[in-house]
C-alpha atoms as a PDB file:
ATOM      1  CA  MET A   1      94.398 179.746 179.976  1.00  0.00           C
ATOM      2  CA  ASN A   2      96.242 176.519 178.532  1.00  0.00           C
ATOM      3  CA  ILE A   3      99.135 176.909 175.866  1.00  0.00           C
ATOM      4  CA  PHE A   4      97.297 175.942 172.685  1.00  0.00           C
ATOM      5  CA  SER A   5      94.519 178.780 173.486  1.00  0.00           C
ATOM      6  CA  ARG A   6      97.232 181.132 174.388  1.00  0.00           C
ATOM      7  CA  TYR A   7      99.019 179.995 170.752  1.00  0.00           C
ATOM      8  CA  ILE A   8      95.833 180.449 168.804  1.00  0.00           C
ATOM      9  CA  ALA A   9      95.287 183.980 170.494  1.00  0.00           C
ATOM     10  CA  TYR A  10      98.830 184.703 169.533  1.00  0.00           C
ATOM     11  CA  LEU A  11      98.193 183.754 165.810  1.00  0.00           C
ATOM     12  CA  LYS A  12      95.013 185.608 165.666  1.00  0.00           C
ATOM     13  CA  ASP A  13      96.590 188.857 167.219  1.00  0.00           C
ATOM     14  CA  ASN A  14      97.371 189.976 163.727  1.00  0.00           C
ATOM     15  CA  PRO A  15      96.402 193.474 163.001  1.00  0.00           C
ATOM     16  CA  ASN A  16      98.744 194.056 160.132  1.00  0.00           C
ATOM     17  CA  GLY A  17      97.341 190.985 158.250  1.00  0.00           C
ATOM     18  CA  TYR A  18     100.701 189.106 158.190  1.00  0.00           C
ATOM     19  CA  TRP A  19     100.584 185.788 156.377  1.00  0.00           C
ATOM     20  CA  PHE A  20     103.476 184.467 158.780  1.00  0.00           C
ATOM     21  CA  LYS A  21     103.964 185.394 162.417  1.00  0.00           C
ATOM     22  CA  ARG A  22     107.075 185.202 164.231  1.00  0.00           C
ATOM     23  CA  LYS A  23     107.747 181.574 165.855  1.00  0.00           C
ATOM     24  CA  LEU A  24     107.362 181.440 169.523  1.00  0.00           C
ATOM     25  CA  TYR A  25     110.498 179.268 170.016  1.00  0.00           C
ATOM     26  CA  GLY A  26     113.621 179.862 167.968  1.00  0.00           C
ATOM     27  CA  TRP A  27     113.970 182.016 164.927  1.00  0.00           C
ATOM     28  CA  GLY A  28     111.654 181.915 161.937  1.00  0.00           C
ATOM     29  CA  TRP A  29     108.144 182.250 160.882  1.00  0.00           C
ATOM     30  CA  THR A  30     104.990 180.152 161.145  1.00  0.00           C
ATOM     31  CA  PRO A  31     101.816 180.472 158.830  1.00  0.00           C
ATOM     32  CA  ALA A  32      99.228 182.697 160.538  1.00  0.00           C
ATOM     33  CA  LYS A  33      96.779 183.227 157.583  1.00  0.00           C
ATOM     34  CA  TRP A  34      95.307 181.032 154.924  1.00  0.00           C
ATOM     35  CA  GLN A  35      97.693 182.566 152.278  1.00  0.00           C
ATOM     36  CA  GLY A  36     100.600 181.552 154.328  1.00  0.00           C
ATOM     37  CA  TRP A  37      99.488 177.949 154.659  1.00  0.00           C
ATOM     38  CA  VAL A  38      98.720 177.858 150.880  1.00  0.00           C
ATOM     39  CA  VAL A  39     102.477 178.788 150.362  1.00  0.00           C
ATOM     40  CA  VAL A  40     103.632 176.152 152.603  1.00  0.00           C
ATOM     41  CA  LEU A  41     101.570 173.531 150.995  1.00  0.00           C
ATOM     42  CA  VAL A  42     102.893 174.462 147.408  1.00  0.00           C
ATOM     43  CA  PHE A  43     106.449 174.467 148.867  1.00  0.00           C
ATOM     44  CA  ILE A  44     105.900 170.903 150.315  1.00  0.00           C
ATOM     45  CA  ILE A  45     104.282 169.507 147.150  1.00  0.00           C
ATOM     46  CA  PHE A  46     106.904 170.879 144.981  1.00  0.00           C
ATOM     47  CA  VAL A  47     109.850 169.273 147.208  1.00  0.00           C
ATOM     48  CA  LEU A  48     107.913 165.743 147.213  1.00  0.00           C
ATOM     49  CA  TYR A  49     107.248 165.957 143.604  1.00  0.00           C
ATOM     50  CA  SER A  50     110.912 166.757 142.686  1.00  0.00           C
ATOM     51  CA  GLY A  51     111.999 164.092 145.011  1.00  0.00           C
ATOM     52  CA  ILE A  52     109.705 161.421 143.469  1.00  0.00           C
ATOM     53  CA  SER A  53     110.399 162.259 139.989  1.00  0.00           C
ATOM     54  CA  LEU A  54     114.166 161.877 141.022  1.00  0.00           C
ATOM     55  CA  SER A  55     113.666 158.727 142.638  1.00  0.00           C
ATOM     56  CA  SER A  56     111.699 157.328 139.535  1.00  0.00           C
ATOM     57  CA  ARG A  57     114.930 156.923 137.742  1.00  0.00           C
ATOM     58  CA  PRO A  58     116.917 153.920 138.010  1.00  0.00           C
ATOM     59  CA  GLU A  59     120.148 155.620 138.837  1.00  0.00           C
ATOM     60  CA  PRO A  60     120.106 159.572 138.153  1.00  0.00           C
ATOM     61  CA  VAL A  61     123.089 160.968 136.486  1.00  0.00           C
ATOM     62  CA  ASP A  62     125.109 163.863 137.828  1.00  0.00           C
ATOM     63  CA  GLY A  63     123.358 166.506 135.752  1.00  0.00           C
ATOM     64  CA  GLU A  64     119.949 165.477 137.085  1.00  0.00           C
ATOM     65  CA  LEU A  65     121.194 165.429 140.891  1.00  0.00           C
ATOM     66  CA  ALA A  66     122.553 168.894 140.339  1.00  0.00           C
ATOM     67  CA  TRP A  67     119.198 170.014 138.727  1.00  0.00           C
ATOM     68  CA  PHE A  68     117.419 168.443 141.725  1.00  0.00           C
ATOM     69  CA  PHE A  69     119.530 170.465 144.355  1.00  0.00           C
ATOM     70  CA  ALA A  70     119.436 173.522 142.307  1.00  0.00           C
ATOM     71  CA  LYS A  71     115.449 173.402 142.334  1.00  0.00           C
ATOM     72  CA  ILE A  72     115.460 172.677 145.987  1.00  0.00           C
ATOM     73  CA  ILE A  73     117.559 175.598 146.854  1.00  0.00           C
ATOM     74  CA  LEU A  74     115.852 178.004 144.623  1.00  0.00           C
ATOM     75  CA  ALA A  75     112.595 176.773 146.301  1.00  0.00           C
ATOM     76  CA  VAL A  76     114.082 177.255 149.937  1.00  0.00           C
ATOM     77  CA  VAL A  77     115.280 180.657 148.772  1.00  0.00           C
ATOM     78  CA  LEU A  78     111.984 181.780 147.375  1.00  0.00           C
ATOM     79  CA  MET A  79     110.105 180.112 150.581  1.00  0.00           C
ATOM     80  CA  ILE A  80     112.394 182.375 152.803  1.00  0.00           C
ATOM     81  CA  SER A  81     111.798 185.576 150.559  1.00  0.00           C
ATOM     82  CA  ILE A  82     107.933 185.067 150.625  1.00  0.00           C
ATOM     83  CA  SER A  83     108.211 184.796 154.373  1.00  0.00           C
ATOM     84  CA  TYR A  84     110.271 187.735 154.977  1.00  0.00           C
ATOM     85  CA  LYS A  85     108.193 189.801 152.709  1.00  0.00           C
ATOM     86  CA  THR A  86     104.685 188.729 153.961  1.00  0.00           C
ATOM     87  CA  GLY A  87     105.654 188.348 157.718  1.00  0.00           C
ATOM     88  CA  GLU A  88     106.689 189.873 160.762  1.00  0.00           C
ATOM     89  CA  ARG A  89     110.480 191.031 161.539  1.00  0.00           C
ATOM     90  CA  PRO A  90     112.069 187.735 162.376  1.00  0.00           C
ATOM     91  CA  ARG A  91     114.098 187.643 165.588  1.00  0.00           C
ATOM     92  CA  PHE A  92     114.738 184.868 168.097  1.00  0.00           C
ATOM     93  CA  GLN A  93     112.681 184.378 170.975  1.00  0.00           C
ATOM     94  CA  TRP A  94     111.615 181.848 173.386  1.00  0.00           C
ATOM     95  CA  GLY A  95     107.902 181.531 174.431  1.00  0.00           C
ATOM     96  CA  PHE A  96     105.360 184.126 174.732  1.00  0.00           C
ATOM     97  CA  ARG A  97     106.486 187.865 175.210  1.00  0.00           C
ATOM     98  CA  ASP A  98     106.299 189.185 178.487  1.00  0.00           C
ATOM     99  CA  GLU A  99     103.479 192.013 178.551  1.00  0.00           C
ATOM    100  CA  ASN A 100     105.641 194.193 180.468  1.00  0.00           C
ATOM    101  CA  LYS A 101     108.364 194.068 178.121  1.00  0.00           C
ATOM    102  CA  LYS A 102     108.722 196.025 174.843  1.00  0.00           C
ATOM    103  CA  ASP A 103     109.825 194.523 171.462  1.00  0.00           C
END
């Protein structure tokens, strides 16, 4: 079984219906259901829109820059909290779990 089919099987093995599953390499989450993908897409669109609206100004003033960074930080915190509440418990892992080992 190649790595891609193992990865798809890992994402589909979701009896609890998590929106986000634990990443295979490193710490964090990856979208596993369509709801997770929608959350990621909304996050990306919001960040891009915020950046484009800031870059449309000839020279942003300090207040506009502060507001931009506040929005981005809030969006990241919201993204992490949604992933935490609707995803698996995060932990560092490196590759597929060994079937003989327990969590």
